[in-house]
Amino acid sequence: MTKSIKDILIKDLNARVNGSLWLEVGDGHFFGPGPVELLERIAETGSISNAAKEMKMSYKKAWELINRLNAQMATPVVIPQAGGEKGGGSIITSEAIELIKYHRLLRKRFADFLEKETKRLKF
């Protein structure tokens, strides 16, 4: 007879199922909470530099993330704007917005799964 997980755990252990979620390509992370936040902050601030500062991320790291994202997408997700009298800036594309929406929905479904599995552990 196969034991259930409830039979193996100590009663009232308050165990939960947890995890992280991101998209992968090849052998590495492609899109997850960090890139989502960076894109959202670029949209809010209009600036890669300001978005990186708000996240306490180096400007170099922010550019590396953006370049990696843009290289993996059919069309760029961030478009730098040429500097002018007030300096440059950056915008996110409609594709970036769709990618953010997809990730949010995916995270919601994942959270629902984690909650359901955690309930299965409860006595």
PDB file of N, CA and C in Angstrom:
ATOM      1  N   MET A   1       0.840  -1.181   0.000  1.00  0.00           N
ATOM      2  CA  MET A   1       0.000   0.000   0.000  1.00  0.00           C
ATOM      3  C   MET A   1       0.886   1.246   0.000  1.00  0.00           C
ATOM      4  N   THR A   2       0.555   2.203  -0.840  1.00  0.00           N
ATOM      5  CA  THR A   2       1.305   3.439  -0.947  1.00  0.00           C
ATOM      6  C   THR A   2       0.825   4.434   0.104  1.00  0.00           C
ATOM      7  N   LYS A   3       1.782   5.038   0.796  1.00  0.00           N
ATOM      8  CA  LYS A   3       1.441   6.053   1.791  1.00  0.00           C
ATOM      9  C   LYS A   3       1.235   7.392   1.103  1.00  0.00           C
ATOM     10  N   SER A   4       0.343   8.199   1.668  1.00  0.00           N
ATOM     11  CA  SER A   4       0.177   9.559   1.164  1.00  0.00           C
ATOM     12  C   SER A   4       1.206  10.450   1.854  1.00  0.00           C
ATOM     13  N   ILE A   5       1.397  11.599   1.310  1.00  0.00           N
ATOM     14  CA  ILE A   5       2.346  12.548   1.900  1.00  0.00           C
ATOM     15  C   ILE A   5       1.918  12.917   3.318  1.00  0.00           C
ATOM     16  N   LYS A   6       0.612  12.927   3.588  1.00  0.00           N
ATOM     17  CA  LYS A   6       0.115  13.234   4.933  1.00  0.00           C
ATOM     18  C   LYS A   6       0.561  12.183   5.934  1.00  0.00           C
ATOM     19  N   ASP A   7       0.707  10.944   5.473  1.00  0.00           N
ATOM     20  CA  ASP A   7       1.149   9.866   6.363  1.00  0.00           C
ATOM     21  C   ASP A   7       2.637   9.974   6.689  1.00  0.00           C
ATOM     22  N   ILE A   8       3.372  10.666   5.861  1.00  0.00           N
ATOM     23  CA  ILE A   8       4.825  10.762   6.025  1.00  0.00           C
ATOM     24  C   ILE A   8       5.219  11.969   6.875  1.00  0.00           C
ATOM     25  N   LEU A   9       4.464  13.064   6.752  1.00  0.00           N
ATOM     26  CA  LEU A   9       4.791  14.299   7.464  1.00  0.00           C
ATOM     27  C   LEU A   9       4.268  14.279   8.893  1.00  0.00           C
ATOM     28  N   ILE A  10       4.909  15.046   9.745  1.00  0.00           N
ATOM     29  CA  ILE A  10       4.443  15.253  11.113  1.00  0.00           C
ATOM     30  C   ILE A  10       3.169  16.076  11.055  1.00  0.00           C
ATOM     31  N   LYS A  11       2.186  15.704  11.849  1.00  0.00           N
ATOM     32  CA  LYS A  11       0.936  16.468  11.884  1.00  0.00           C
ATOM     33  C   LYS A  11       1.222  17.915  12.303  1.00  0.00           C
ATOM     34  N   ASP A  12       0.436  18.839  11.765  1.00  0.00           N
ATOM     35  CA  ASP A  12       0.539  20.267  12.079  1.00  0.00           C
ATOM     36  C   ASP A  12       1.922  20.840  11.767  1.00  0.00           C
ATOM     37  N   LEU A  13       2.589  20.281  10.783  1.00  0.00           N
ATOM     38  CA  LEU A  13       3.908  20.777  10.378  1.00  0.00           C
ATOM     39  C   LEU A  13       3.802  22.130   9.670  1.00  0.00           C
ATOM     40  N   ASN A  14       2.612  22.434   9.171  1.00  0.00           N
ATOM     41  CA  ASN A  14       2.378  23.659   8.412  1.00  0.00           C
ATOM     42  C   ASN A  14       3.250  23.708   7.154  1.00  0.00           C
ATOM     43  N   ALA A  15       3.349  22.563   6.475  1.00  0.00           N
ATOM     44  CA  ALA A  15       4.126  22.475   5.242  1.00  0.00           C
ATOM     45  C   ALA A  15       3.374  23.166   4.113  1.00  0.00           C
ATOM     46  N   ARG A  16       4.117  23.631   3.129  1.00  0.00           N
ATOM     47  CA  ARG A  16       3.511  24.241   1.957  1.00  0.00           C
ATOM     48  C   ARG A  16       4.349  23.911   0.732  1.00  0.00           C
ATOM     49  N   VAL A  17       3.709  23.962  -0.401  1.00  0.00           N
ATOM     50  CA  VAL A  17       4.390  23.760  -1.673  1.00  0.00           C
ATOM     51  C   VAL A  17       4.770  25.144  -2.188  1.00  0.00           C
ATOM     52  N   ASN A  18       6.005  25.301  -2.621  1.00  0.00           N
ATOM     53  CA  ASN A  18       6.486  26.602  -3.055  1.00  0.00           C
ATOM     54  C   ASN A  18       7.349  26.422  -4.294  1.00  0.00           C
ATOM     55  N   GLY A  19       7.590  27.490  -5.003  1.00  0.00           N
ATOM     56  CA  GLY A  19       8.455  27.417  -6.172  1.00  0.00           C
ATOM     57  C   GLY A  19       8.590  28.762  -6.847  1.00  0.00           C
ATOM     58  N   SER A  20       9.484  28.803  -7.807  1.00  0.00           N
ATOM     59  CA  SER A  20       9.702  29.996  -8.613  1.00  0.00           C
ATOM     60  C   SER A  20       9.322  29.670 -10.045  1.00  0.00           C
ATOM     61  N   LEU A  21       9.023  30.687 -10.798  1.00  0.00           N
ATOM     62  CA  LEU A  21       8.569  30.479 -12.163  1.00  0.00           C
ATOM     63  C   LEU A  21       9.257  31.458 -13.095  1.00  0.00           C
ATOM     64  N   TRP A  22       9.795  30.944 -14.182  1.00  0.00           N
ATOM     65  CA  TRP A  22      10.372  31.770 -15.229  1.00  0.00           C
ATOM     66  C   TRP A  22      10.341  30.969 -16.516  1.00  0.00           C
ATOM     67  N   LEU A  23      10.520  31.645 -17.606  1.00  0.00           N
ATOM     68  CA  LEU A  23      10.645  30.992 -18.903  1.00  0.00           C
ATOM     69  C   LEU A  23      12.121  30.730 -19.155  1.00  0.00           C
ATOM     70  N   GLU A  24      12.415  29.631 -19.803  1.00  0.00           N
ATOM     71  CA  GLU A  24      13.800  29.296 -20.131  1.00  0.00           C
ATOM     72  C   GLU A  24      13.945  29.087 -21.625  1.00  0.00           C
ATOM     73  N   VAL A  25      15.118  29.389 -22.122  1.00  0.00           N
ATOM     74  CA  VAL A  25      15.505  29.039 -23.481  1.00  0.00           C
ATOM     75  C   VAL A  25      16.876  28.405 -23.385  1.00  0.00           C
ATOM     76  N   GLY A  26      17.085  27.365 -24.168  1.00  0.00           N
ATOM     77  CA  GLY A  26      18.377  26.687 -24.101  1.00  0.00           C
ATOM     78  C   GLY A  26      18.634  26.208 -22.696  1.00  0.00           C
ATOM     79  N   ASP A  27      19.731  26.636 -22.131  1.00  0.00           N
ATOM     80  CA  ASP A  27      20.108  26.186 -20.797  1.00  0.00           C
ATOM     81  C   ASP A  27      20.033  27.286 -19.745  1.00  0.00           C
ATOM     82  N   GLY A  28      19.265  28.327 -20.003  1.00  0.00           N
ATOM     83  CA  GLY A  28      19.230  29.404 -19.025  1.00  0.00           C
ATOM     84  C   GLY A  28      17.891  30.094 -18.919  1.00  0.00           C
ATOM     85  N   HIS A  29      17.766  30.892 -17.854  1.00  0.00           N
ATOM     86  CA  HIS A  29      16.558  31.696 -17.638  1.00  0.00           C
ATOM     87  C   HIS A  29      16.433  32.708 -18.767  1.00  0.00           C
ATOM     88  N   PHE A  30      15.198  32.946 -19.155  1.00  0.00           N
ATOM     89  CA  PHE A  30      14.931  33.914 -20.212  1.00  0.00           C
ATOM     90  C   PHE A  30      14.074  35.060 -19.692  1.00  0.00           C
ATOM     91  N   PHE A  31      12.977  34.711 -19.022  1.00  0.00           N
ATOM     92  CA  PHE A  31      12.051  35.755 -18.596  1.00  0.00           C
ATOM     93  C   PHE A  31      11.392  35.357 -17.297  1.00  0.00           C
ATOM     94  N   GLY A  32      11.544  36.203 -16.288  1.00  0.00           N
ATOM     95  CA  GLY A  32      10.973  35.942 -14.977  1.00  0.00           C
ATOM     96  C   GLY A  32      10.699  37.244 -14.258  1.00  0.00           C
ATOM     97  N   PRO A  33      10.596  37.185 -12.941  1.00  0.00           N
ATOM     98  CA  PRO A  33      10.242  38.375 -12.160  1.00  0.00           C
ATOM     99  C   PRO A  33      11.182  39.561 -12.355  1.00  0.00           C
ATOM    100  N   GLY A  34      12.484  39.331 -12.450  1.00  0.00           N
ATOM    101  CA  GLY A  34      13.432  40.439 -12.623  1.00  0.00           C
ATOM    102  C   GLY A  34      13.226  41.196 -13.920  1.00  0.00           C
ATOM    103  N   PRO A  35      13.244  40.505 -15.059  1.00  0.00           N
ATOM    104  CA  PRO A  35      12.990  41.197 -16.320  1.00  0.00           C
ATOM    105  C   PRO A  35      11.606  41.842 -16.391  1.00  0.00           C
ATOM    106  N   VAL A  36      10.596  41.202 -15.798  1.00  0.00           N
ATOM    107  CA  VAL A  36       9.253  41.799 -15.767  1.00  0.00           C
ATOM    108  C   VAL A  36       9.316  43.145 -15.049  1.00  0.00           C
ATOM    109  N   GLU A  37       9.934  43.144 -13.871  1.00  0.00           N
ATOM    110  CA  GLU A  37      10.028  44.387 -13.100  1.00  0.00           C
ATOM    111  C   GLU A  37      10.815  45.445 -13.862  1.00  0.00           C
ATOM    112  N   LEU A  38      11.901  45.049 -14.500  1.00  0.00           N
ATOM    113  CA  LEU A  38      12.696  46.011 -15.260  1.00  0.00           C
ATOM    114  C   LEU A  38      11.870  46.635 -16.378  1.00  0.00           C
ATOM    115  N   LEU A  39      11.152  45.817 -17.129  1.00  0.00           N
ATOM    116  CA  LEU A  39      10.313  46.353 -18.205  1.00  0.00           C
ATOM    117  C   LEU A  39       9.238  47.291 -17.656  1.00  0.00           C
ATOM    118  N   GLU A  40       8.607  46.902 -16.559  1.00  0.00           N
ATOM    119  CA  GLU A  40       7.569  47.751 -15.969  1.00  0.00           C
ATOM    120  C   GLU A  40       8.149  49.083 -15.515  1.00  0.00           C
ATOM    121  N   ARG A  41       9.319  49.051 -14.933  1.00  0.00           N
ATOM    122  CA  ARG A  41       9.934  50.310 -14.467  1.00  0.00           C
ATOM    123  C   ARG A  41      10.416  51.180 -15.626  1.00  0.00           C
ATOM    124  N   ILE A  42      10.868  50.550 -16.696  1.00  0.00           N
ATOM    125  CA  ILE A  42      11.225  51.337 -17.890  1.00  0.00           C
ATOM    126  C   ILE A  42       9.973  52.024 -18.421  1.00  0.00           C
ATOM    127  N   ALA A  43       8.858  51.298 -18.446  1.00  0.00           N
ATOM    128  CA  ALA A  43       7.594  51.893 -18.910  1.00  0.00           C
ATOM    129  C   ALA A  43       7.192  53.073 -18.032  1.00  0.00           C
ATOM    130  N   GLU A  44       7.380  52.940 -16.717  1.00  0.00           N
ATOM    131  CA  GLU A  44       7.000  54.001 -15.777  1.00  0.00           C
ATOM    132  C   GLU A  44       7.913  55.213 -15.866  1.00  0.00           C
ATOM    133  N   THR A  45       9.224  54.965 -15.951  1.00  0.00           N
ATOM    134  CA  THR A  45      10.197  56.058 -15.874  1.00  0.00           C
ATOM    135  C   THR A  45      10.622  56.589 -17.235  1.00  0.00           C
ATOM    136  N   GLY A  46      10.459  55.765 -18.284  1.00  0.00           N
ATOM    137  CA  GLY A  46      10.940  56.164 -19.604  1.00  0.00           C
ATOM    138  C   GLY A  46      12.451  56.112 -19.707  1.00  0.00           C
ATOM    139  N   SER A  47      13.088  55.411 -18.761  1.00  0.00           N
ATOM    140  CA  SER A  47      14.546  55.419 -18.693  1.00  0.00           C
ATOM    141  C   SER A  47      15.079  54.081 -18.179  1.00  0.00           C
ATOM    142  N   ILE A  48      16.036  53.525 -18.911  1.00  0.00           N
ATOM    143  CA  ILE A  48      16.705  52.304 -18.447  1.00  0.00           C
ATOM    144  C   ILE A  48      17.516  52.616 -17.200  1.00  0.00           C
ATOM    145  N   SER A  49      18.195  53.732 -17.210  1.00  0.00           N
ATOM    146  CA  SER A  49      19.018  54.133 -16.071  1.00  0.00           C
ATOM    147  C   SER A  49      18.193  54.290 -14.799  1.00  0.00           C
ATOM    148  N   ASN A  50      17.080  55.009 -14.891  1.00  0.00           N
ATOM    149  CA  ASN A  50      16.232  55.215 -13.711  1.00  0.00           C
ATOM    150  C   ASN A  50      15.589  53.913 -13.249  1.00  0.00           C
ATOM    151  N   ALA A  51      15.181  53.085 -14.197  1.00  0.00           N
ATOM    152  CA  ALA A  51      14.590  51.787 -13.849  1.00  0.00           C
ATOM    153  C   ALA A  51      15.614  50.943 -13.092  1.00  0.00           C
ATOM    154  N   ALA A  52      16.837  50.912 -13.582  1.00  0.00           N
ATOM    155  CA  ALA A  52      17.896  50.137 -12.924  1.00  0.00           C
ATOM    156  C   ALA A  52      18.171  50.683 -11.523  1.00  0.00           C
ATOM    157  N   LYS A  53      18.241  52.001 -11.388  1.00  0.00           N
ATOM    158  CA  LYS A  53      18.476  52.614 -10.072  1.00  0.00           C
ATOM    159  C   LYS A  53      17.383  52.232  -9.085  1.00  0.00           C
ATOM    160  N   GLU A  54      16.123  52.287  -9.531  1.00  0.00           N
ATOM    161  CA  GLU A  54      15.008  51.932  -8.651  1.00  0.00           C
ATOM    162  C   GLU A  54      15.101  50.485  -8.177  1.00  0.00           C
ATOM    163  N   MET A  55      15.675  49.631  -9.019  1.00  0.00           N
ATOM    164  CA  MET A  55      15.800  48.214  -8.679  1.00  0.00           C
ATOM    165  C   MET A  55      17.121  47.904  -7.974  1.00  0.00           C
ATOM    166  N   LYS A  56      17.945  48.940  -7.788  1.00  0.00           N
ATOM    167  CA  LYS A  56      19.280  48.755  -7.216  1.00  0.00           C
ATOM    168  C   LYS A  56      20.089  47.760  -8.068  1.00  0.00           C
ATOM    169  N   MET A  57      19.970  47.949  -9.365  1.00  0.00           N
ATOM    170  CA  MET A  57      20.645  47.123 -10.359  1.00  0.00           C
ATOM    171  C   MET A  57      21.615  48.028 -11.117  1.00  0.00           C
ATOM    172  N   SER A  58      22.739  47.490 -11.509  1.00  0.00           N
ATOM    173  CA  SER A  58      23.670  48.305 -12.284  1.00  0.00           C
ATOM    174  C   SER A  58      23.090  48.562 -13.676  1.00  0.00           C
ATOM    175  N   TYR A  59      23.472  49.688 -14.226  1.00  0.00           N
ATOM    176  CA  TYR A  59      23.041  50.046 -15.572  1.00  0.00           C
ATOM    177  C   TYR A  59      23.511  48.988 -16.559  1.00  0.00           C
ATOM    178  N   LYS A  60      24.733  48.504 -16.354  1.00  0.00           N
ATOM    179  CA  LYS A  60      25.299  47.459 -17.224  1.00  0.00           C
ATOM    180  C   LYS A  60      24.441  46.195 -17.181  1.00  0.00           C
ATOM    181  N   LYS A  61      24.051  45.771 -15.986  1.00  0.00           N
ATOM    182  CA  LYS A  61      23.223  44.564 -15.845  1.00  0.00           C
ATOM    183  C   LYS A  61      21.871  44.768 -16.517  1.00  0.00           C
ATOM    184  N   ALA A  62      21.285  45.944 -16.353  1.00  0.00           N
ATOM    185  CA  ALA A  62      19.999  46.237 -16.993  1.00  0.00           C
ATOM    186  C   ALA A  62      20.126  46.117 -18.511  1.00  0.00           C
ATOM    187  N   TRP A  63      21.199  46.688 -19.061  1.00  0.00           N
ATOM    188  CA  TRP A  63      21.411  46.596 -20.507  1.00  0.00           C
ATOM    189  C   TRP A  63      21.637  45.154 -20.946  1.00  0.00           C
ATOM    190  N   GLU A  64      22.342  44.373 -20.146  1.00  0.00           N
ATOM    191  CA  GLU A  64      22.549  42.962 -20.480  1.00  0.00           C
ATOM    192  C   GLU A  64      21.215  42.220 -20.551  1.00  0.00           C
ATOM    193  N   LEU A  65      20.331  42.486 -19.569  1.00  0.00           N
ATOM    194  CA  LEU A  65      19.001  41.864 -19.580  1.00  0.00           C
ATOM    195  C   LEU A  65      18.211  42.277 -20.817  1.00  0.00           C
ATOM    196  N   ILE A  66      18.234  43.562 -21.114  1.00  0.00           N
ATOM    197  CA  ILE A  66      17.490  44.073 -22.267  1.00  0.00           C
ATOM    198  C   ILE A  66      18.036  43.485 -23.568  1.00  0.00           C
ATOM    199  N   ASN A  67      19.350  43.465 -23.704  1.00  0.00           N
ATOM    200  CA  ASN A  67      19.949  42.908 -24.919  1.00  0.00           C
ATOM    201  C   ASN A  67      19.611  41.431 -25.076  1.00  0.00           C
ATOM    202  N   ARG A  68      19.630  40.686 -23.969  1.00  0.00           N
ATOM    203  CA  ARG A  68      19.283  39.264 -24.017  1.00  0.00           C
ATOM    204  C   ARG A  68      17.810  39.086 -24.404  1.00  0.00           C
ATOM    205  N   LEU A  69      16.931  39.886 -23.803  1.00  0.00           N
ATOM    206  CA  LEU A  69      15.511  39.826 -24.153  1.00  0.00           C
ATOM    207  C   LEU A  69      15.294  40.171 -25.627  1.00  0.00           C
ATOM    208  N   ASN A  70      15.871  41.270 -26.051  1.00  0.00           N
ATOM    209  CA  ASN A  70      15.691  41.693 -27.441  1.00  0.00           C
ATOM    210  C   ASN A  70      16.214  40.648 -28.424  1.00  0.00           C
ATOM    211  N   ALA A  71      17.295  39.959 -28.071  1.00  0.00           N
ATOM    212  CA  ALA A  71      17.868  38.934 -28.943  1.00  0.00           C
ATOM    213  C   ALA A  71      16.969  37.704 -29.057  1.00  0.00           C
ATOM    214  N   GLN A  72      16.148  37.449 -28.041  1.00  0.00           N
ATOM    215  CA  GLN A  72      15.288  36.270 -28.029  1.00  0.00           C
ATOM    216  C   GLN A  72      13.909  36.525 -28.634  1.00  0.00           C
ATOM    217  N   MET A  73      13.589  37.753 -28.898  1.00  0.00           N
ATOM    218  CA  MET A  73      12.253  38.118 -29.362  1.00  0.00           C
ATOM    219  C   MET A  73      12.242  38.357 -30.868  1.00  0.00           C
ATOM    220  N   ALA A  74      11.089  38.122 -31.484  1.00  0.00           N
ATOM    221  CA  ALA A  74      10.929  38.386 -32.914  1.00  0.00           C
ATOM    222  C   ALA A  74      11.084  39.882 -33.209  1.00  0.00           C
ATOM    223  N   THR A  75      10.610  40.714 -32.279  1.00  0.00           N
ATOM    224  CA  THR A  75      10.804  42.161 -32.368  1.00  0.00           C
ATOM    225  C   THR A  75      11.276  42.641 -31.000  1.00  0.00           C
ATOM    226  N   PRO A  76      12.021  43.728 -30.939  1.00  0.00           N
ATOM    227  CA  PRO A  76      12.551  44.204 -29.656  1.00  0.00           C
ATOM    228  C   PRO A  76      11.453  44.523 -28.641  1.00  0.00           C
ATOM    229  N   VAL A  77      11.786  44.366 -27.361  1.00  0.00           N
ATOM    230  CA  VAL A  77      10.849  44.713 -26.291  1.00  0.00           C
ATOM    231  C   VAL A  77      11.166  46.075 -25.690  1.00  0.00           C
ATOM    232  N   VAL A  78      12.386  46.537 -25.887  1.00  0.00           N
ATOM    233  CA  VAL A  78      12.793  47.865 -25.425  1.00  0.00           C
ATOM    234  C   VAL A  78      13.448  48.580 -26.594  1.00  0.00           C
ATOM    235  N   ILE A  79      13.015  49.821 -26.805  1.00  0.00           N
ATOM    236  CA  ILE A  79      13.595  50.630 -27.875  1.00  0.00           C
ATOM    237  C   ILE A  79      14.171  51.899 -27.261  1.00  0.00           C
ATOM    238  N   PRO A  80      15.495  52.043 -27.327  1.00  0.00           N
ATOM    239  CA  PRO A  80      16.109  53.281 -26.827  1.00  0.00           C
ATOM    240  C   PRO A  80      15.762  54.446 -27.760  1.00  0.00           C
ATOM    241  N   GLN A  81      15.526  55.596 -27.171  1.00  0.00           N
ATOM    242  CA  GLN A  81      15.227  56.804 -27.930  1.00  0.00           C
ATOM    243  C   GLN A  81      16.483  57.659 -27.963  1.00  0.00           C
ATOM    244  N   ALA A  82      16.776  58.224 -29.115  1.00  0.00           N
ATOM    245  CA  ALA A  82      17.966  59.059 -29.263  1.00  0.00           C
ATOM    246  C   ALA A  82      17.873  60.275 -28.349  1.00  0.00           C
ATOM    247  N   GLY A  83      19.018  60.681 -27.831  1.00  0.00           N
ATOM    248  CA  GLY A  83      19.072  61.847 -26.952  1.00  0.00           C
ATOM    249  C   GLY A  83      18.798  63.117 -27.719  1.00  0.00           C
ATOM    250  N   GLY A  84      18.298  64.054 -27.034  1.00  0.00           N
ATOM    251  CA  GLY A  84      18.021  65.363 -27.627  1.00  0.00           C
ATOM    252  C   GLY A  84      18.352  66.419 -26.608  1.00  0.00           C
ATOM    253  N   GLU A  85      17.633  67.492 -26.652  1.00  0.00           N
ATOM    254  CA  GLU A  85      17.851  68.590 -25.724  1.00  0.00           C
ATOM    255  C   GLU A  85      17.686  68.140 -24.268  1.00  0.00           C
ATOM    256  N   LYS A  86      16.694  67.272 -24.020  1.00  0.00           N
ATOM    257  CA  LYS A  86      16.443  66.780 -22.667  1.00  0.00           C
ATOM    258  C   LYS A  86      17.016  65.386 -22.441  1.00  0.00           C
ATOM    259  N   GLY A  87      17.831  64.913 -23.353  1.00  0.00           N
ATOM    260  CA  GLY A  87      18.401  63.578 -23.226  1.00  0.00           C
ATOM    261  C   GLY A  87      17.511  62.544 -23.869  1.00  0.00           C
ATOM    262  N   GLY A  88      17.981  61.314 -23.849  1.00  0.00           N
ATOM    263  CA  GLY A  88      17.235  60.225 -24.478  1.00  0.00           C
ATOM    264  C   GLY A  88      16.273  59.591 -23.508  1.00  0.00           C
ATOM    265  N   GLY A  89      15.959  58.395 -23.785  1.00  0.00           N
ATOM    266  CA  GLY A  89      15.047  57.641 -22.948  1.00  0.00           C
ATOM    267  C   GLY A  89      14.825  56.299 -23.607  1.00  0.00           C
ATOM    268  N   SER A  90      13.888  55.565 -23.109  1.00  0.00           N
ATOM    269  CA  SER A  90      13.559  54.268 -23.693  1.00  0.00           C
ATOM    270  C   SER A  90      12.079  53.998 -23.512  1.00  0.00           C
ATOM    271  N   ILE A  91      11.539  53.229 -24.436  1.00  0.00           N
ATOM    272  CA  ILE A  91      10.148  52.812 -24.336  1.00  0.00           C
ATOM    273  C   ILE A  91      10.085  51.292 -24.462  1.00  0.00           C
ATOM    274  N   ILE A  92       9.040  50.716 -23.876  1.00  0.00           N
ATOM    275  CA  ILE A  92       8.806  49.298 -24.101  1.00  0.00           C
ATOM    276  C   ILE A  92       7.754  49.181 -25.208  1.00  0.00           C
ATOM    277  N   THR A  93       7.842  48.092 -25.947  1.00  0.00           N
ATOM    278  CA  THR A  93       6.949  47.897 -27.081  1.00  0.00           C
ATOM    279  C   THR A  93       5.670  47.174 -26.664  1.00  0.00           C
ATOM    280  N   SER A  94       4.733  47.109 -27.586  1.00  0.00           N
ATOM    281  CA  SER A  94       3.498  46.369 -27.318  1.00  0.00           C
ATOM    282  C   SER A  94       3.807  44.891 -27.083  1.00  0.00           C
ATOM    283  N   GLU A  95       4.850  44.379 -27.710  1.00  0.00           N
ATOM    284  CA  GLU A  95       5.270  42.991 -27.475  1.00  0.00           C
ATOM    285  C   GLU A  95       5.719  42.797 -26.035  1.00  0.00           C
ATOM    286  N   ALA A  96       6.398  43.790 -25.480  1.00  0.00           N
ATOM    287  CA  ALA A  96       6.816  43.714 -24.071  1.00  0.00           C
ATOM    288  C   ALA A  96       5.594  43.683 -23.168  1.00  0.00           C
ATOM    289  N   ILE A  97       4.610  44.493 -23.485  1.00  0.00           N
ATOM    290  CA  ILE A  97       3.379  44.524 -22.684  1.00  0.00           C
ATOM    291  C   ILE A  97       2.686  43.168 -22.738  1.00  0.00           C
ATOM    292  N   GLU A  98       2.638  42.559 -23.912  1.00  0.00           N
ATOM    293  CA  GLU A  98       2.023  41.230 -24.046  1.00  0.00           C
ATOM    294  C   GLU A  98       2.812  40.177 -23.279  1.00  0.00           C
ATOM    295  N   LEU A  99       4.125  40.263 -23.309  1.00  0.00           N
ATOM    296  CA  LEU A  99       4.970  39.333 -22.572  1.00  0.00           C
ATOM    297  C   LEU A  99       4.747  39.472 -21.067  1.00  0.00           C
ATOM    298  N   ILE A 100       4.623  40.694 -20.585  1.00  0.00           N
ATOM    299  CA  ILE A 100       4.336  40.951 -19.168  1.00  0.00           C
ATOM    300  C   ILE A 100       2.976  40.369 -18.801  1.00  0.00           C
ATOM    301  N   LYS A 101       1.973  40.613 -19.632  1.00  0.00           N
ATOM    302  CA  LYS A 101       0.629  40.072 -19.370  1.00  0.00           C
ATOM    303  C   LYS A 101       0.661  38.549 -19.311  1.00  0.00           C
ATOM    304  N   TYR A 102       1.350  37.940 -20.271  1.00  0.00           N
ATOM    305  CA  TYR A 102       1.455  36.477 -20.296  1.00  0.00           C
ATOM    306  C   TYR A 102       2.096  35.960 -19.016  1.00  0.00           C
ATOM    307  N   HIS A 103       3.174  36.604 -18.595  1.00  0.00           N
ATOM    308  CA  HIS A 103       3.876  36.161 -17.390  1.00  0.00           C
ATOM    309  C   HIS A 103       2.996  36.322 -16.157  1.00  0.00           C
ATOM    310  N   ARG A 104       2.247  37.411 -16.071  1.00  0.00           N
ATOM    311  CA  ARG A 104       1.331  37.615 -14.936  1.00  0.00           C
ATOM    312  C   ARG A 104       0.283  36.499 -14.875  1.00  0.00           C
ATOM    313  N   LEU A 105      -0.313  36.168 -16.042  1.00  0.00           N
ATOM    314  CA  LEU A 105      -1.313  35.095 -16.083  1.00  0.00           C
ATOM    315  C   LEU A 105      -0.687  33.747 -15.733  1.00  0.00           C
ATOM    316  N   LEU A 106       0.501  33.511 -16.219  1.00  0.00           N
ATOM    317  CA  LEU A 106       1.210  32.279 -15.913  1.00  0.00           C
ATOM    318  C   LEU A 106       1.486  32.183 -14.413  1.00  0.00           C
ATOM    319  N   ARG A 107       1.916  33.285 -13.815  1.00  0.00           N
ATOM    320  CA  ARG A 107       2.179  33.300 -12.370  1.00  0.00           C
ATOM    321  C   ARG A 107       0.897  33.076 -11.569  1.00  0.00           C
ATOM    322  N   LYS A 108      -0.222  33.602 -12.041  1.00  0.00           N
ATOM    323  CA  LYS A 108      -1.501  33.383 -11.366  1.00  0.00           C
ATOM    324  C   LYS A 108      -1.862  31.898 -11.389  1.00  0.00           C
ATOM    325  N   ARG A 109      -1.740  31.270 -12.551  1.00  0.00           N
ATOM    326  CA  ARG A 109      -2.035  29.840 -12.650  1.00  0.00           C
ATOM    327  C   ARG A 109      -1.072  29.032 -11.783  1.00  0.00           C
ATOM    328  N   PHE A 110       0.175  29.437 -11.739  1.00  0.00           N
ATOM    329  CA  PHE A 110       1.176  28.757 -10.922  1.00  0.00           C
ATOM    330  C   PHE A 110       0.851  28.905  -9.441  1.00  0.00           C
ATOM    331  N   ALA A 111       0.461  30.115  -9.024  1.00  0.00           N
ATOM    332  CA  ALA A 111       0.075  30.355  -7.623  1.00  0.00           C
ATOM    333  C   ALA A 111      -1.134  29.508  -7.247  1.00  0.00           C
ATOM    334  N   ASP A 112      -2.089  29.390  -8.165  1.00  0.00           N
ATOM    335  CA  ASP A 112      -3.260  28.548  -7.920  1.00  0.00           C
ATOM    336  C   ASP A 112      -2.841  27.085  -7.731  1.00  0.00           C
ATOM    337  N   PHE A 113      -1.924  26.622  -8.559  1.00  0.00           N
ATOM    338  CA  PHE A 113      -1.412  25.259  -8.441  1.00  0.00           C
ATOM    339  C   PHE A 113      -0.724  25.050  -7.086  1.00  0.00           C
ATOM    340  N   LEU A 114       0.130  25.998  -6.696  1.00  0.00           N
ATOM    341  CA  LEU A 114       0.839  25.881  -5.417  1.00  0.00           C
ATOM    342  C   LEU A 114      -0.149  25.838  -4.251  1.00  0.00           C
ATOM    343  N   GLU A 115      -1.170  26.677  -4.310  1.00  0.00           N
ATOM    344  CA  GLU A 115      -2.177  26.708  -3.256  1.00  0.00           C
ATOM    345  C   GLU A 115      -2.932  25.371  -3.187  1.00  0.00           C
ATOM    346  N   LYS A 116      -3.316  24.868  -4.338  1.00  0.00           N
ATOM    347  CA  LYS A 116      -4.040  23.596  -4.392  1.00  0.00           C
ATOM    348  C   LYS A 116      -3.190  22.465  -3.802  1.00  0.00           C
ATOM    349  N   GLU A 117      -1.925  22.412  -4.179  1.00  0.00           N
ATOM    350  CA  GLU A 117      -1.060  21.356  -3.666  1.00  0.00           C
ATOM    351  C   GLU A 117      -0.773  21.519  -2.183  1.00  0.00           C
ATOM    352  N   THR A 118      -0.683  22.754  -1.725  1.00  0.00           N
ATOM    353  CA  THR A 118      -0.484  22.998  -0.293  1.00  0.00           C
ATOM    354  C   THR A 118      -1.695  22.507   0.486  1.00  0.00           C
ATOM    355  N   LYS A 119      -2.888  22.750  -0.022  1.00  0.00           N
ATOM    356  CA  LYS A 119      -4.107  22.280   0.645  1.00  0.00           C
ATOM    357  C   LYS A 119      -4.113  20.766   0.776  1.00  0.00           C
ATOM    358  N   ARG A 120      -3.532  20.080  -0.183  1.00  0.00           N
ATOM    359  CA  ARG A 120      -3.479  18.628  -0.126  1.00  0.00           C
ATOM    360  C   ARG A 120      -2.600  18.130   1.038  1.00  0.00           C
ATOM    361  N   LEU A 121      -1.717  18.985   1.525  1.00  0.00           N
ATOM    362  CA  LEU A 121      -0.839  18.618   2.635  1.00  0.00           C
ATOM    363  C   LEU A 121      -1.482  18.820   3.986  1.00  0.00           C
ATOM    364  N   LYS A 122      -2.544  19.592   4.021  1.00  0.00           N
ATOM    365  CA  LYS A 122      -3.185  19.939   5.302  1.00  0.00           C
ATOM    366  C   LYS A 122      -3.948  18.750   5.862  1.00  0.00           C
ATOM    367  N   PHE A 123      -3.919  18.587   7.171  1.00  0.00           N
ATOM    368  CA  PHE A 123      -4.594  17.488   7.860  1.00  0.00           C
ATOM    369  C   PHE A 123      -6.021  17.863   8.174  1.00  0.00           C
TER     370      PHE A 123
END
